[in-house]
Amino acid sequence: MSSDKRHKKKRSATGSPRLVQDSDHTPPQRVVRPCVLLAPVSQVLPDSLHAALSQAGLTPRMEHDPEMAMAELCLLRREHRQHRIGGQTSEPSPLVLAASPSEDTLTMLDALTRHVPDIPVLHFDGSTLQTHRAASPDAEPPVVAHPPSKADVSDAELASLLAREDLSPSGGQS
């Protein structure tokens, strides 16, 4: 018998692998949503943090810089709003603080409160995730009003300024 025939016999005898599950012990499917995890570069993340994130159904996107964390949060917020407009129901992605906030992080949290109040902020206390700031989904972000595009100097003022330059000692007189 050739080696090809023997391999074919082995594969057909064993069949394809099947997963056997007991229907009474099948764990429920968990919906996992992203979150932004802000942690210092030097911090080693404990297994209890990963367990707390998993228990909350969160998949972390790690950031070390508060500005980059805010940018990532805004992208996730836009994605969440697009899903909501499309009729899907979901919760907004939270910010998770792995350490006590630094001065830069406090500045970012202040900006989040003012500009995107619908993003929840959680912090890890060493064993569980606690709410640092709840989301305010009904709060509207501030409206950014752009000033009208107008020259700072009017035509009359410009003509007046140009006329004065011609009268200066170095301007035009010899």
Protein backbone atom coordinates (compact mmCIF):
# COMPACT_ATOMS: atom_id res chain seq x y z
CA MET A 1 0.00 0.00 0.00
CA SER A 2 1.37 3.42 -0.86
CA SER A 3 1.89 6.04 1.82
CA ASP A 4 -0.84 8.28 0.32
CA LYS A 5 -3.45 5.53 0.70
CA ARG A 6 -2.41 4.88 4.30
CA HIS A 7 -2.79 8.61 5.16
CA LYS A 8 -6.21 8.67 3.53
CA LYS A 9 -7.29 5.64 5.55
CA LYS A 10 -6.07 7.23 8.79
CA ARG A 11 -7.92 10.48 8.11
CA SER A 12 -11.16 8.75 7.23
CA ALA A 13 -10.92 6.46 10.24
CA THR A 14 -10.42 9.24 12.71
CA GLY A 15 -12.79 11.68 10.98
CA SER A 16 -12.78 15.39 11.59
CA PRO A 17 -12.38 16.61 15.15
CA ARG A 18 -15.65 17.37 16.90
CA LEU A 19 -16.28 19.50 19.94
CA VAL A 20 -18.42 17.71 22.47
CA GLN A 21 -20.36 19.99 24.81
CA ASP A 22 -22.80 19.30 27.56
CA SER A 23 -25.84 21.45 26.78
CA ASP A 24 -26.48 22.06 30.49
CA HIS A 25 -23.01 23.54 31.08
CA THR A 26 -22.64 25.75 28.02
CA PRO A 27 -21.55 29.20 29.20
CA PRO A 28 -23.66 32.08 27.88
CA GLN A 29 -22.19 34.16 25.07
CA ARG A 30 -20.82 37.47 26.37
CA VAL A 31 -20.99 40.63 24.37
CA VAL A 32 -17.56 42.21 24.52
CA ARG A 33 -17.21 45.93 23.94
CA PRO A 34 -14.04 47.97 23.69
CA CYS A 35 -12.76 50.31 26.36
CA VAL A 36 -9.71 52.55 26.59
CA LEU A 37 -7.37 51.53 29.40
CA LEU A 38 -5.10 54.37 30.50
CA ALA A 39 -2.08 53.17 32.44
CA PRO A 40 1.47 54.46 32.95
CA VAL A 41 4.13 52.79 30.83
CA SER A 42 6.01 51.68 33.94
CA GLN A 43 3.00 49.97 35.54
CA VAL A 44 2.68 46.20 35.31
CA LEU A 45 -1.00 45.37 34.93
CA PRO A 46 -2.17 42.78 37.47
CA ASP A 47 -4.16 39.73 36.49
CA SER A 48 -7.00 41.00 38.69
CA LEU A 49 -7.39 44.00 36.33
CA HIS A 50 -7.69 41.69 33.32
CA ALA A 51 -10.20 39.57 35.24
CA ALA A 52 -12.26 42.65 36.20
CA LEU A 53 -12.29 43.84 32.56
CA SER A 54 -13.34 40.39 31.37
CA GLN A 55 -16.08 40.19 33.98
CA ALA A 56 -17.40 43.59 32.85
CA GLY A 57 -17.35 42.39 29.22
CA LEU A 58 -14.68 44.90 28.19
CA THR A 59 -11.79 44.47 25.78
CA PRO A 60 -9.03 46.99 26.56
CA ARG A 61 -7.29 49.22 24.06
CA MET A 62 -4.18 50.21 25.96
CA GLU A 63 -2.98 53.81 25.99
CA HIS A 64 -0.21 55.43 28.03
CA ASP A 65 -0.75 59.05 27.02
CA PRO A 66 -3.93 60.93 28.10
CA GLU A 67 -4.17 62.80 24.79
CA MET A 68 -4.00 59.57 22.80
CA ALA A 69 -6.54 58.00 25.16
CA MET A 70 -8.94 60.87 24.54
CA ALA A 71 -8.47 60.56 20.78
CA GLU A 72 -9.22 56.83 20.94
CA LEU A 73 -12.28 57.49 23.13
CA CYS A 74 -13.61 59.99 20.62
CA LEU A 75 -13.19 57.47 17.80
CA LEU A 76 -15.02 54.82 19.81
CA ARG A 77 -17.73 57.37 20.66
CA ARG A 78 -18.24 58.18 16.97
CA GLU A 79 -18.49 54.46 16.19
CA HIS A 80 -21.02 54.02 19.03
CA ARG A 81 -23.14 56.91 17.75
CA GLN A 82 -23.11 55.46 14.22
CA HIS A 83 -24.32 52.11 15.57
CA ARG A 84 -27.02 53.87 17.56
CA ILE A 85 -28.20 55.79 14.49
CA GLY A 86 -28.30 52.46 12.65
CA GLY A 87 -30.73 51.11 15.24
CA GLN A 88 -28.31 49.02 17.28
CA THR A 89 -28.42 49.40 21.03
CA SER A 90 -25.15 49.44 22.90
CA GLU A 91 -23.43 51.24 25.70
CA PRO A 92 -20.66 53.76 25.06
CA SER A 93 -17.09 52.61 25.51
CA PRO A 94 -15.68 53.71 28.86
CA LEU A 95 -12.32 55.05 29.89
CA VAL A 96 -10.68 52.83 32.52
CA LEU A 97 -8.01 54.37 34.75
CA ALA A 98 -5.49 51.80 35.96
CA ALA A 99 -3.69 54.21 38.32
CA SER A 100 -4.47 57.33 40.28
CA PRO A 101 -4.81 60.25 37.86
CA SER A 102 -1.78 62.40 37.10
CA GLU A 103 -2.03 66.13 36.37
CA ASP A 104 -2.29 65.44 32.61
CA THR A 105 -4.97 62.84 33.23
CA LEU A 106 -6.97 65.27 35.38
CA THR A 107 -6.81 67.83 32.57
CA MET A 108 -8.09 65.18 30.15
CA LEU A 109 -10.90 64.20 32.54
CA ASP A 110 -11.91 67.83 32.76
CA ALA A 111 -12.02 68.05 28.96
CA LEU A 112 -14.06 64.83 28.78
CA THR A 113 -16.60 66.26 31.23
CA ARG A 114 -16.97 69.45 29.19
CA HIS A 115 -16.89 68.07 25.65
CA VAL A 116 -18.03 64.44 25.75
CA PRO A 117 -20.08 63.94 28.92
CA ASP A 118 -21.62 60.74 27.56
CA ILE A 119 -18.40 58.75 28.05
CA PRO A 120 -18.26 56.92 31.40
CA VAL A 121 -15.02 56.85 33.38
CA LEU A 122 -14.11 53.87 35.58
CA HIS A 123 -11.12 53.29 37.80
CA PHE A 124 -9.53 50.09 39.01
CA ASP A 125 -9.27 49.96 42.81
CA GLY A 126 -7.04 46.89 42.96
CA SER A 127 -9.75 44.26 42.69
CA THR A 128 -12.80 45.70 40.89
CA LEU A 129 -13.83 48.44 38.50
CA GLN A 130 -15.49 51.40 40.22
CA THR A 131 -17.36 54.30 38.66
CA HIS A 132 -15.23 57.44 38.70
CA ARG A 133 -17.75 59.45 36.67
CA ALA A 134 -21.02 58.16 35.27
CA ALA A 135 -22.01 58.94 31.72
CA SER A 136 -24.51 61.72 31.14
CA PRO A 137 -26.11 60.56 27.89
CA ASP A 138 -28.73 63.33 27.94
CA ALA A 139 -26.15 66.08 28.33
CA GLU A 140 -25.38 67.83 25.10
CA PRO A 141 -21.77 68.69 24.39
CA PRO A 142 -21.11 72.41 24.12
CA VAL A 143 -21.71 74.00 20.74
CA VAL A 144 -18.55 75.30 19.18
CA ALA A 145 -19.32 78.62 17.53
CA HIS A 146 -16.90 79.72 14.88
CA PRO A 147 -16.43 83.47 14.60
CA PRO A 148 -17.31 84.98 11.24
CA SER A 149 -14.37 85.13 8.89
CA LYS A 150 -13.69 88.84 8.75
CA ALA A 151 -10.47 90.71 8.40
CA ASP A 152 -9.16 92.07 11.69
CA VAL A 153 -8.56 95.43 10.01
CA SER A 154 -11.20 97.23 7.93
CA ASP A 155 -10.40 98.78 4.55
CA ALA A 156 -10.55 102.30 6.02
CA GLU A 157 -8.21 101.34 8.86
CA LEU A 158 -5.81 99.70 6.41
CA ALA A 159 -5.76 102.81 4.18
CA SER A 160 -5.15 104.97 7.24
CA LEU A 161 -2.26 102.77 8.37
CA LEU A 162 -0.70 102.77 4.89
CA ALA A 163 -0.99 106.56 4.66
CA ARG A 164 0.80 106.93 8.01
CA GLU A 165 3.67 104.71 6.83
CA ASP A 166 4.30 107.03 3.86
CA LEU A 167 4.71 109.94 6.30
CA SER A 168 7.27 108.15 8.44
CA PRO A 169 10.87 109.45 8.31
CA SER A 170 12.10 106.35 6.46
CA GLY A 171 9.02 105.94 4.23
CA GLY A 172 9.25 107.63 0.85
CA GLN A 173 10.89 110.95 1.88
CA SER A 174 14.49 111.60 0.94
